[in-house]
Amino acid sequence: MLCNRTVKRTGDPCQRHAIRGGTVCPMHGGRARQVKAKAEERLVVAEAAKYVHQNGWQPVDNPLTALADVAGEITSMKDFLRERVQAIGVRIRETSDKGDEQLRAELAAYQAALRDVVAALNTIARLNIDERLARISEAQGQMILRAFDAGLAAVGVAGPAAKTARQAAVRHLRVVKESAA
């Protein structure tokens, strides 16, 4: 890819190659730290997009559970980055200029992870996800019991035997629900 800047003297487009992942050549700012960082980010995003395109993706069937999973993943990432940032004090004494850049990147990644966690948790709180998931689980349990009752009726089980069977099914569903929590 060619640099997207123009030559000041002539106004012609720059004919130099842009830095890898970037939009400008080294002469037009491609050596700047923030430009290199953005170029690296573009490369990572392009690699992720290629992976998704090659391997496909699954649609989100339950957005509430998916959001809770994302919040858990972001929180785990934040915890990992926090450990890296806490180790900065030790590493600062033994770093070079390149190490300083890595330290800045780790701190920036940690700060971004904190913002992401706060945003995800705010979304969860605002949407009352715990309540909604509980209602969904309850509705699923009721559907299972209706199917169970229909099955009992289909084989001719009624009266006290049906009531005993239904109570046993309810107990087993509670055990399943508690073990999932």
N, C-alpha and C. Protein backbone atom coordinates (compact mmCIF):
# COMPACT_ATOMS: atom_id res chain seq x y z
N MET A 1 0.85 -1.17 0.00
CA MET A 1 0.00 0.00 0.00
C MET A 1 0.90 1.24 0.00
N LEU A 2 0.51 2.21 -0.77
CA LEU A 2 1.28 3.44 -0.84
C LEU A 2 0.83 4.43 0.22
N CYS A 3 1.73 5.32 0.57
CA CYS A 3 1.45 6.39 1.54
C CYS A 3 0.29 7.24 1.02
N ASN A 4 -0.61 7.64 1.92
CA ASN A 4 -1.77 8.42 1.49
C ASN A 4 -1.54 9.93 1.55
N ARG A 5 -0.33 10.37 1.85
CA ARG A 5 -0.01 11.80 1.93
C ARG A 5 0.47 12.33 0.59
N THR A 6 0.60 13.63 0.52
CA THR A 6 1.09 14.26 -0.71
C THR A 6 2.44 14.92 -0.44
N VAL A 7 3.22 15.07 -1.49
CA VAL A 7 4.51 15.73 -1.41
C VAL A 7 4.25 17.23 -1.36
N LYS A 8 4.77 17.91 -0.34
CA LYS A 8 4.47 19.33 -0.15
C LYS A 8 4.94 20.19 -1.32
N ARG A 9 6.12 19.91 -1.84
CA ARG A 9 6.68 20.73 -2.91
C ARG A 9 5.81 20.73 -4.16
N THR A 10 5.36 19.54 -4.55
CA THR A 10 4.66 19.40 -5.83
C THR A 10 3.17 19.20 -5.68
N GLY A 11 2.73 18.73 -4.53
CA GLY A 11 1.32 18.42 -4.35
C GLY A 11 0.93 17.06 -4.90
N ASP A 12 1.92 16.33 -5.45
CA ASP A 12 1.67 14.99 -5.99
C ASP A 12 1.54 13.98 -4.86
N PRO A 13 0.82 12.87 -5.11
CA PRO A 13 0.75 11.83 -4.09
C PRO A 13 2.13 11.24 -3.81
N CYS A 14 2.39 10.94 -2.55
CA CYS A 14 3.65 10.30 -2.16
C CYS A 14 3.69 8.90 -2.77
N GLN A 15 4.80 8.53 -3.32
CA GLN A 15 4.92 7.22 -3.98
C GLN A 15 5.65 6.19 -3.12
N ARG A 16 5.97 6.55 -1.88
CA ARG A 16 6.64 5.61 -1.00
C ARG A 16 5.63 4.60 -0.44
N HIS A 17 6.14 3.47 -0.01
CA HIS A 17 5.28 2.46 0.62
C HIS A 17 4.97 2.86 2.05
N ALA A 18 3.73 2.69 2.44
CA ALA A 18 3.33 2.94 3.83
C ALA A 18 3.94 1.86 4.72
N ILE A 19 4.08 2.17 6.00
CA ILE A 19 4.57 1.15 6.93
C ILE A 19 3.57 0.01 6.97
N ARG A 20 4.03 -1.17 7.33
CA ARG A 20 3.16 -2.35 7.36
C ARG A 20 1.99 -2.10 8.31
N GLY A 21 0.77 -2.20 7.78
CA GLY A 21 -0.43 -1.97 8.57
C GLY A 21 -0.82 -0.50 8.67
N GLY A 22 0.01 0.37 8.16
CA GLY A 22 -0.23 1.79 8.28
C GLY A 22 -0.74 2.42 7.00
N THR A 23 -0.94 3.72 7.07
CA THR A 23 -1.44 4.46 5.91
C THR A 23 -0.43 5.49 5.42
N VAL A 24 0.69 5.65 6.17
CA VAL A 24 1.70 6.63 5.79
C VAL A 24 3.09 5.99 5.80
N CYS A 25 3.99 6.60 5.03
CA CYS A 25 5.38 6.12 4.98
C CYS A 25 6.15 6.69 6.18
N PRO A 26 7.37 6.20 6.40
CA PRO A 26 8.16 6.74 7.50
C PRO A 26 8.42 8.24 7.40
N MET A 27 8.51 8.76 6.19
CA MET A 27 8.78 10.19 6.01
C MET A 27 7.57 11.06 6.38
N HIS A 28 6.37 10.49 6.32
CA HIS A 28 5.16 11.25 6.61
C HIS A 28 4.54 10.86 7.96
N GLY A 29 5.37 10.44 8.90
CA GLY A 29 4.89 10.17 10.25
C GLY A 29 4.85 8.71 10.64
N GLY A 30 5.26 7.82 9.75
CA GLY A 30 5.20 6.39 10.04
C GLY A 30 6.14 5.92 11.13
N ARG A 31 7.07 6.78 11.56
CA ARG A 31 7.98 6.42 12.64
C ARG A 31 7.42 6.78 14.02
N ALA A 32 6.36 7.55 14.05
CA ALA A 32 5.79 8.00 15.33
C ALA A 32 5.20 6.81 16.10
N ARG A 33 5.37 6.86 17.40
CA ARG A 33 4.93 5.77 18.26
C ARG A 33 3.44 5.47 18.08
N GLN A 34 2.60 6.51 18.08
CA GLN A 34 1.16 6.29 17.99
C GLN A 34 0.76 5.77 16.61
N VAL A 35 1.51 6.14 15.57
CA VAL A 35 1.22 5.65 14.22
C VAL A 35 1.57 4.17 14.12
N LYS A 36 2.73 3.81 14.69
CA LYS A 36 3.13 2.39 14.70
C LYS A 36 2.12 1.56 15.50
N ALA A 37 1.66 2.10 16.63
CA ALA A 37 0.70 1.36 17.46
C ALA A 37 -0.61 1.14 16.71
N LYS A 38 -1.10 2.17 16.02
CA LYS A 38 -2.35 2.05 15.26
C LYS A 38 -2.17 1.07 14.11
N ALA A 39 -0.99 1.08 13.47
CA ALA A 39 -0.72 0.15 12.38
C ALA A 39 -0.73 -1.29 12.90
N GLU A 40 -0.13 -1.51 14.06
CA GLU A 40 -0.12 -2.85 14.65
C GLU A 40 -1.54 -3.29 15.00
N GLU A 41 -2.35 -2.37 15.50
CA GLU A 41 -3.75 -2.68 15.82
C GLU A 41 -4.51 -3.08 14.55
N ARG A 42 -4.28 -2.35 13.46
CA ARG A 42 -4.93 -2.71 12.19
C ARG A 42 -4.55 -4.11 11.74
N LEU A 43 -3.28 -4.47 11.91
CA LEU A 43 -2.83 -5.81 11.51
C LEU A 43 -3.51 -6.89 12.34
N VAL A 44 -3.64 -6.64 13.64
CA VAL A 44 -4.30 -7.62 14.52
C VAL A 44 -5.77 -7.76 14.15
N VAL A 45 -6.44 -6.65 13.89
CA VAL A 45 -7.86 -6.69 13.51
C VAL A 45 -8.01 -7.41 12.18
N ALA A 46 -7.11 -7.15 11.24
CA ALA A 46 -7.18 -7.83 9.94
C ALA A 46 -6.97 -9.33 10.09
N GLU A 47 -6.05 -9.72 10.97
CA GLU A 47 -5.81 -11.14 11.23
C GLU A 47 -7.04 -11.80 11.85
N ALA A 48 -7.67 -11.10 12.79
CA ALA A 48 -8.89 -11.64 13.42
C ALA A 48 -10.02 -11.76 12.40
N ALA A 49 -10.18 -10.77 11.53
CA ALA A 49 -11.23 -10.81 10.51
C ALA A 49 -10.98 -11.96 9.54
N LYS A 50 -9.73 -12.18 9.18
CA LYS A 50 -9.39 -13.30 8.27
C LYS A 50 -9.72 -14.63 8.94
N TYR A 51 -9.38 -14.76 10.23
CA TYR A 51 -9.67 -15.98 10.96
C TYR A 51 -11.18 -16.25 10.98
N VAL A 52 -11.96 -15.23 11.30
CA VAL A 52 -13.42 -15.39 11.36
C VAL A 52 -13.97 -15.75 9.98
N HIS A 53 -13.45 -15.11 8.95
CA HIS A 53 -13.92 -15.39 7.58
C HIS A 53 -13.61 -16.83 7.19
N GLN A 54 -12.43 -17.32 7.55
CA GLN A 54 -12.02 -18.68 7.19
C GLN A 54 -12.73 -19.75 8.02
N ASN A 55 -12.98 -19.45 9.30
CA ASN A 55 -13.52 -20.47 10.20
C ASN A 55 -15.00 -20.31 10.50
N GLY A 56 -15.60 -19.22 10.06
CA GLY A 56 -17.02 -19.00 10.30
C GLY A 56 -17.28 -18.56 11.73
N TRP A 57 -18.54 -18.41 12.05
CA TRP A 57 -18.95 -17.95 13.37
C TRP A 57 -20.31 -18.54 13.69
N GLN A 58 -20.66 -18.49 14.94
CA GLN A 58 -21.94 -19.00 15.40
C GLN A 58 -22.83 -17.82 15.77
N PRO A 59 -24.10 -17.86 15.38
CA PRO A 59 -25.00 -16.77 15.81
C PRO A 59 -25.21 -16.84 17.33
N VAL A 60 -25.54 -15.71 17.90
CA VAL A 60 -25.80 -15.65 19.34
C VAL A 60 -27.26 -16.04 19.56
N ASP A 61 -27.47 -17.18 20.21
CA ASP A 61 -28.83 -17.65 20.48
C ASP A 61 -29.43 -16.98 21.71
N ASN A 62 -28.59 -16.75 22.70
CA ASN A 62 -29.06 -16.15 23.94
C ASN A 62 -28.18 -14.94 24.26
N PRO A 63 -28.60 -13.74 23.85
CA PRO A 63 -27.74 -12.56 24.06
C PRO A 63 -27.47 -12.26 25.53
N LEU A 64 -28.38 -12.63 26.41
CA LEU A 64 -28.16 -12.36 27.83
C LEU A 64 -26.99 -13.18 28.36
N THR A 65 -26.98 -14.47 28.03
CA THR A 65 -25.88 -15.33 28.45
C THR A 65 -24.59 -14.91 27.76
N ALA A 66 -24.67 -14.54 26.49
CA ALA A 66 -23.49 -14.10 25.75
C ALA A 66 -22.88 -12.86 26.39
N LEU A 67 -23.72 -11.92 26.80
CA LEU A 67 -23.22 -10.71 27.44
C LEU A 67 -22.57 -11.04 28.78
N ALA A 68 -23.16 -11.95 29.53
CA ALA A 68 -22.56 -12.36 30.80
C ALA A 68 -21.21 -13.04 30.54
N ASP A 69 -21.11 -13.86 29.49
CA ASP A 69 -19.84 -14.50 29.13
C ASP A 69 -18.78 -13.46 28.76
N VAL A 70 -19.18 -12.47 27.97
CA VAL A 70 -18.24 -11.41 27.56
C VAL A 70 -17.75 -10.65 28.80
N ALA A 71 -18.66 -10.34 29.71
CA ALA A 71 -18.25 -9.64 30.93
C ALA A 71 -17.24 -10.47 31.72
N GLY A 72 -17.46 -11.78 31.78
CA GLY A 72 -16.51 -12.65 32.48
C GLY A 72 -15.16 -12.69 31.79
N GLU A 73 -15.18 -12.75 30.47
CA GLU A 73 -13.92 -12.77 29.72
C GLU A 73 -13.16 -11.45 29.89
N ILE A 74 -13.87 -10.35 29.78
CA ILE A 74 -13.23 -9.03 29.93
C ILE A 74 -12.66 -8.89 31.34
N THR A 75 -13.40 -9.35 32.32
CA THR A 75 -12.93 -9.27 33.70
C THR A 75 -11.67 -10.10 33.90
N SER A 76 -11.63 -11.29 33.31
CA SER A 76 -10.43 -12.14 33.40
C SER A 76 -9.24 -11.46 32.73
N MET A 77 -9.47 -10.83 31.58
CA MET A 77 -8.41 -10.12 30.88
C MET A 77 -7.91 -8.95 31.73
N LYS A 78 -8.84 -8.23 32.33
CA LYS A 78 -8.48 -7.11 33.20
C LYS A 78 -7.62 -7.60 34.36
N ASP A 79 -7.98 -8.74 34.97
CA ASP A 79 -7.21 -9.29 36.08
C ASP A 79 -5.79 -9.66 35.64
N PHE A 80 -5.66 -10.26 34.47
CA PHE A 80 -4.34 -10.60 33.93
C PHE A 80 -3.51 -9.33 33.72
N LEU A 81 -4.13 -8.33 33.11
CA LEU A 81 -3.41 -7.08 32.84
C LEU A 81 -3.05 -6.35 34.13
N ARG A 82 -3.90 -6.45 35.15
CA ARG A 82 -3.59 -5.83 36.44
C ARG A 82 -2.31 -6.43 37.00
N GLU A 83 -2.15 -7.75 36.90
CA GLU A 83 -0.93 -8.40 37.39
C GLU A 83 0.29 -7.89 36.62
N ARG A 84 0.12 -7.71 35.31
CA ARG A 84 1.24 -7.18 34.51
C ARG A 84 1.60 -5.77 34.93
N VAL A 85 0.57 -4.95 35.17
CA VAL A 85 0.82 -3.56 35.57
C VAL A 85 1.45 -3.51 36.96
N GLN A 86 1.03 -4.38 37.87
CA GLN A 86 1.62 -4.40 39.21
C GLN A 86 3.10 -4.78 39.15
N ALA A 87 3.48 -5.55 38.15
CA ALA A 87 4.88 -5.95 38.01
C ALA A 87 5.73 -4.87 37.36
N ILE A 88 5.10 -3.79 36.91
CA ILE A 88 5.83 -2.71 36.23
C ILE A 88 6.91 -2.13 37.13
N GLY A 89 6.63 -1.94 38.39
CA GLY A 89 7.61 -1.37 39.31
C GLY A 89 8.91 -2.15 39.31
N VAL A 90 8.82 -3.45 39.27
CA VAL A 90 10.01 -4.30 39.24
C VAL A 90 10.72 -4.16 37.91
N ARG A 91 9.94 -4.17 36.83
CA ARG A 91 10.55 -4.16 35.51
C ARG A 91 11.07 -2.79 35.10
N ILE A 92 10.56 -1.72 35.69
CA ILE A 92 10.98 -0.38 35.29
C ILE A 92 12.49 -0.20 35.50
N ARG A 93 13.02 -0.80 36.54
CA ARG A 93 14.44 -0.66 36.83
C ARG A 93 15.31 -1.40 35.82
N GLU A 94 14.74 -2.34 35.09
CA GLU A 94 15.55 -3.16 34.19
C GLU A 94 15.14 -3.03 32.73
N THR A 95 14.56 -1.91 32.34
CA THR A 95 14.08 -1.77 30.97
C THR A 95 14.94 -0.84 30.15
N SER A 96 14.79 -1.02 28.85
CA SER A 96 15.41 -0.12 27.88
C SER A 96 14.31 0.75 27.30
N ASP A 97 14.64 1.51 26.26
CA ASP A 97 13.61 2.33 25.61
C ASP A 97 12.49 1.45 25.06
N LYS A 98 12.84 0.30 24.47
CA LYS A 98 11.83 -0.60 23.93
C LYS A 98 10.95 -1.14 25.06
N GLY A 99 11.55 -1.40 26.23
CA GLY A 99 10.80 -1.87 27.38
C GLY A 99 9.83 -0.81 27.86
N ASP A 100 10.25 0.46 27.80
CA ASP A 100 9.36 1.55 28.19
C ASP A 100 8.10 1.55 27.31
N GLU A 101 8.29 1.30 26.03
CA GLU A 101 7.15 1.26 25.10
C GLU A 101 6.20 0.12 25.48
N GLN A 102 6.76 -1.02 25.84
CA GLN A 102 5.92 -2.15 26.23
C GLN A 102 5.17 -1.84 27.52
N LEU A 103 5.84 -1.19 28.45
CA LEU A 103 5.19 -0.81 29.70
C LEU A 103 4.01 0.13 29.44
N ARG A 104 4.22 1.11 28.57
CA ARG A 104 3.13 2.04 28.23
C ARG A 104 1.98 1.27 27.58
N ALA A 105 2.30 0.33 26.71
CA ALA A 105 1.26 -0.45 26.03
C ALA A 105 0.47 -1.30 27.04
N GLU A 106 1.18 -1.91 27.99
CA GLU A 106 0.49 -2.73 29.00
C GLU A 106 -0.42 -1.88 29.88
N LEU A 107 0.06 -0.72 30.26
CA LEU A 107 -0.76 0.17 31.09
C LEU A 107 -1.98 0.64 30.31
N ALA A 108 -1.79 0.99 29.04
CA ALA A 108 -2.92 1.43 28.21
C ALA A 108 -3.92 0.29 28.02
N ALA A 109 -3.42 -0.94 27.81
CA ALA A 109 -4.31 -2.09 27.65
C ALA A 109 -5.10 -2.33 28.93
N TYR A 110 -4.44 -2.20 30.08
CA TYR A 110 -5.13 -2.38 31.36
C TYR A 110 -6.22 -1.33 31.55
N GLN A 111 -5.90 -0.08 31.24
CA GLN A 111 -6.89 0.98 31.38
C GLN A 111 -8.08 0.74 30.43
N ALA A 112 -7.81 0.28 29.22
CA ALA A 112 -8.89 -0.02 28.28
C ALA A 112 -9.73 -1.18 28.80
N ALA A 113 -9.07 -2.19 29.38
CA ALA A 113 -9.81 -3.34 29.93
C ALA A 113 -10.70 -2.90 31.08
N LEU A 114 -10.21 -2.00 31.92
CA LEU A 114 -11.04 -1.48 33.01
C LEU A 114 -12.28 -0.79 32.46
N ARG A 115 -12.10 0.04 31.43
CA ARG A 115 -13.25 0.72 30.83
C ARG A 115 -14.23 -0.30 30.24
N ASP A 116 -13.70 -1.34 29.59
CA ASP A 116 -14.57 -2.36 29.00
C ASP A 116 -15.36 -3.11 30.07
N VAL A 117 -14.70 -3.44 31.19
CA VAL A 117 -15.39 -4.15 32.27
C VAL A 117 -16.51 -3.28 32.83
N VAL A 118 -16.21 -2.02 33.07
CA VAL A 118 -17.23 -1.11 33.60
C VAL A 118 -18.40 -1.01 32.64
N ALA A 119 -18.12 -0.89 31.35
CA ALA A 119 -19.20 -0.78 30.35
C ALA A 119 -20.04 -2.05 30.31
N ALA A 120 -19.38 -3.22 30.32
CA ALA A 120 -20.13 -4.48 30.28
C ALA A 120 -20.98 -4.67 31.54
N LEU A 121 -20.40 -4.37 32.68
CA LEU A 121 -21.15 -4.54 33.93
C LEU A 121 -22.30 -3.52 34.04
N ASN A 122 -22.08 -2.31 33.53
CA ASN A 122 -23.17 -1.34 33.50
C ASN A 122 -24.31 -1.83 32.61
N THR A 123 -23.95 -2.40 31.49
CA THR A 123 -24.98 -2.94 30.58
C THR A 123 -25.75 -4.06 31.25
N ILE A 124 -25.03 -4.96 31.91
CA ILE A 124 -25.69 -6.06 32.61
C ILE A 124 -26.63 -5.53 33.69
N ALA A 125 -26.15 -4.57 34.47
CA ALA A 125 -26.98 -4.01 35.54
C ALA A 125 -28.20 -3.30 34.96
N ARG A 126 -28.00 -2.54 33.91
CA ARG A 126 -29.10 -1.78 33.30
C ARG A 126 -30.16 -2.71 32.71
N LEU A 127 -29.74 -3.83 32.18
CA LEU A 127 -30.68 -4.75 31.54
C LEU A 127 -31.27 -5.78 32.51
N ASN A 128 -30.86 -5.74 33.78
CA ASN A 128 -31.34 -6.73 34.76
C ASN A 128 -31.15 -8.15 34.25
N ILE A 129 -29.98 -8.45 33.79
CA ILE A 129 -29.71 -9.75 33.18
C ILE A 129 -29.95 -10.91 34.14
N ASP A 130 -29.54 -10.76 35.39
CA ASP A 130 -29.75 -11.85 36.35
C ASP A 130 -31.24 -12.19 36.46
N GLU A 131 -32.07 -11.15 36.57
CA GLU A 131 -33.52 -11.38 36.65
C GLU A 131 -34.04 -12.05 35.38
N ARG A 132 -33.60 -11.55 34.25
CA ARG A 132 -34.07 -12.11 32.97
C ARG A 132 -33.64 -13.56 32.81
N LEU A 133 -32.39 -13.87 33.17
CA LEU A 133 -31.94 -15.26 33.07
C LEU A 133 -32.73 -16.16 34.01
N ALA A 134 -33.05 -15.65 35.20
CA ALA A 134 -33.86 -16.43 36.15
C ALA A 134 -35.25 -16.70 35.57
N ARG A 135 -35.85 -15.67 34.95
CA ARG A 135 -37.18 -15.86 34.33
C ARG A 135 -37.12 -16.86 33.18
N ILE A 136 -36.06 -16.79 32.40
CA ILE A 136 -35.90 -17.73 31.29
C ILE A 136 -35.77 -19.15 31.83
N SER A 137 -34.94 -19.32 32.86
CA SER A 137 -34.77 -20.65 33.45
C SER A 137 -36.08 -21.18 34.01
N GLU A 138 -36.83 -20.30 34.66
CA GLU A 138 -38.13 -20.70 35.21
C GLU A 138 -39.08 -21.12 34.10
N ALA A 139 -39.12 -20.33 33.03
CA ALA A 139 -40.00 -20.65 31.90
C ALA A 139 -39.59 -21.99 31.26
N GLN A 140 -38.28 -22.23 31.14
CA GLN A 140 -37.82 -23.49 30.59
C GLN A 140 -38.23 -24.66 31.48
N GLY A 141 -38.12 -24.46 32.80
CA GLY A 141 -38.54 -25.51 33.73
C GLY A 141 -40.03 -25.80 33.61
N GLN A 142 -40.84 -24.75 33.47
CA GLN A 142 -42.28 -24.94 33.31
C GLN A 142 -42.60 -25.69 32.02
N MET A 143 -41.88 -25.38 30.95
CA MET A 143 -42.10 -26.09 29.68
C MET A 143 -41.74 -27.57 29.82
N ILE A 144 -40.66 -27.85 30.53
CA ILE A 144 -40.26 -29.25 30.75
C ILE A 144 -41.33 -29.98 31.55
N LEU A 145 -41.86 -29.33 32.59
CA LEU A 145 -42.90 -29.97 33.41
C LEU A 145 -44.18 -30.20 32.60
N ARG A 146 -44.53 -29.24 31.74
CA ARG A 146 -45.73 -29.46 30.89
C ARG A 146 -45.51 -30.63 29.96
N ALA A 147 -44.30 -30.74 29.40
CA ALA A 147 -44.00 -31.88 28.53
C ALA A 147 -44.03 -33.18 29.32
N PHE A 148 -43.51 -33.14 30.54
CA PHE A 148 -43.52 -34.32 31.41
C PHE A 148 -44.95 -34.73 31.73
N ASP A 149 -45.81 -33.75 32.08
CA ASP A 149 -47.22 -34.04 32.36
C ASP A 149 -47.90 -34.63 31.13
N ALA A 150 -47.61 -34.10 29.97
CA ALA A 150 -48.21 -34.62 28.73
C ALA A 150 -47.76 -36.05 28.49
N GLY A 151 -46.49 -36.32 28.76
CA GLY A 151 -45.98 -37.69 28.60
C GLY A 151 -46.66 -38.66 29.55
N LEU A 152 -46.85 -38.23 30.79
CA LEU A 152 -47.55 -39.09 31.76
C LEU A 152 -48.98 -39.36 31.31
N ALA A 153 -49.65 -38.33 30.85
CA ALA A 153 -51.04 -38.50 30.39
C ALA A 153 -51.09 -39.42 29.18
N ALA A 154 -50.10 -39.32 28.31
CA ALA A 154 -50.10 -40.14 27.09
C ALA A 154 -49.96 -41.63 27.41
N VAL A 155 -49.26 -41.96 28.48
CA VAL A 155 -49.12 -43.37 28.84
C VAL A 155 -50.13 -43.81 29.89
N GLY A 156 -51.06 -42.90 30.22
CA GLY A 156 -52.16 -43.27 31.09
C GLY A 156 -51.87 -43.17 32.57
N VAL A 157 -50.82 -42.45 32.97
CA VAL A 157 -50.52 -42.28 34.39
C VAL A 157 -51.29 -41.05 34.86
N ALA A 158 -52.15 -41.24 35.88
CA ALA A 158 -52.97 -40.14 36.39
C ALA A 158 -53.09 -40.28 37.90
N GLY A 159 -53.74 -39.28 38.52
CA GLY A 159 -54.02 -39.33 39.96
C GLY A 159 -52.77 -39.23 40.80
N PRO A 160 -52.76 -39.98 41.93
CA PRO A 160 -51.64 -39.88 42.87
C PRO A 160 -50.29 -40.27 42.25
N ALA A 161 -50.30 -41.25 41.34
CA ALA A 161 -49.05 -41.67 40.72
C ALA A 161 -48.46 -40.53 39.87
N ALA A 162 -49.32 -39.81 39.14
CA ALA A 162 -48.86 -38.68 38.32
C ALA A 162 -48.33 -37.56 39.21
N LYS A 163 -49.04 -37.33 40.35
CA LYS A 163 -48.62 -36.28 41.27
C LYS A 163 -47.25 -36.61 41.86
N THR A 164 -47.03 -37.86 42.26
CA THR A 164 -45.74 -38.29 42.82
C THR A 164 -44.63 -38.16 41.78
N ALA A 165 -44.93 -38.57 40.54
CA ALA A 165 -43.93 -38.47 39.46
C ALA A 165 -43.58 -37.01 39.20
N ARG A 166 -44.59 -36.15 39.19
CA ARG A 166 -44.36 -34.71 38.93
C ARG A 166 -43.50 -34.11 40.05
N GLN A 167 -43.79 -34.45 41.31
CA GLN A 167 -42.99 -33.94 42.42
C GLN A 167 -41.54 -34.41 42.32
N ALA A 168 -41.34 -35.64 41.91
CA ALA A 168 -39.97 -36.16 41.73
C ALA A 168 -39.26 -35.39 40.62
N ALA A 169 -39.99 -35.10 39.53
CA ALA A 169 -39.40 -34.34 38.42
C ALA A 169 -39.02 -32.93 38.88
N VAL A 170 -39.89 -32.30 39.67
CA VAL A 170 -39.60 -30.95 40.17
C VAL A 170 -38.34 -30.98 41.04
N ARG A 171 -38.22 -31.98 41.93
CA ARG A 171 -37.03 -32.10 42.78
C ARG A 171 -35.77 -32.24 41.94
N HIS A 172 -35.83 -33.08 40.91
CA HIS A 172 -34.66 -33.29 40.05
C HIS A 172 -34.31 -32.02 39.26
N LEU A 173 -35.32 -31.29 38.82
CA LEU A 173 -35.06 -30.03 38.11
C LEU A 173 -34.39 -29.01 39.03
N ARG A 174 -34.79 -28.97 40.31
CA ARG A 174 -34.16 -28.06 41.27
C ARG A 174 -32.69 -28.43 41.48
N VAL A 175 -32.41 -29.73 41.56
CA VAL A 175 -31.03 -30.18 41.74
C VAL A 175 -30.19 -29.75 40.52
N VAL A 176 -30.76 -29.93 39.33
CA VAL A 176 -30.05 -29.53 38.11
C VAL A 176 -29.79 -28.03 38.10
N LYS A 177 -30.83 -27.25 38.48
CA LYS A 177 -30.71 -25.80 38.50
C LYS A 177 -29.65 -25.35 39.50
N GLU A 178 -29.64 -25.97 40.69
CA GLU A 178 -28.66 -25.60 41.73
C GLU A 178 -27.24 -25.98 41.32
N SER A 179 -27.10 -27.12 40.65
CA SER A 179 -25.74 -27.53 40.24
C SER A 179 -25.24 -26.66 39.10
N ALA A 180 -26.14 -26.07 38.32
CA ALA A 180 -25.73 -25.18 37.23
C ALA A 180 -25.34 -23.81 37.74
N ALA A 181 -25.84 -23.45 38.91
CA ALA A 181 -25.57 -22.10 39.46
C ALA A 181 -24.24 -21.98 40.12
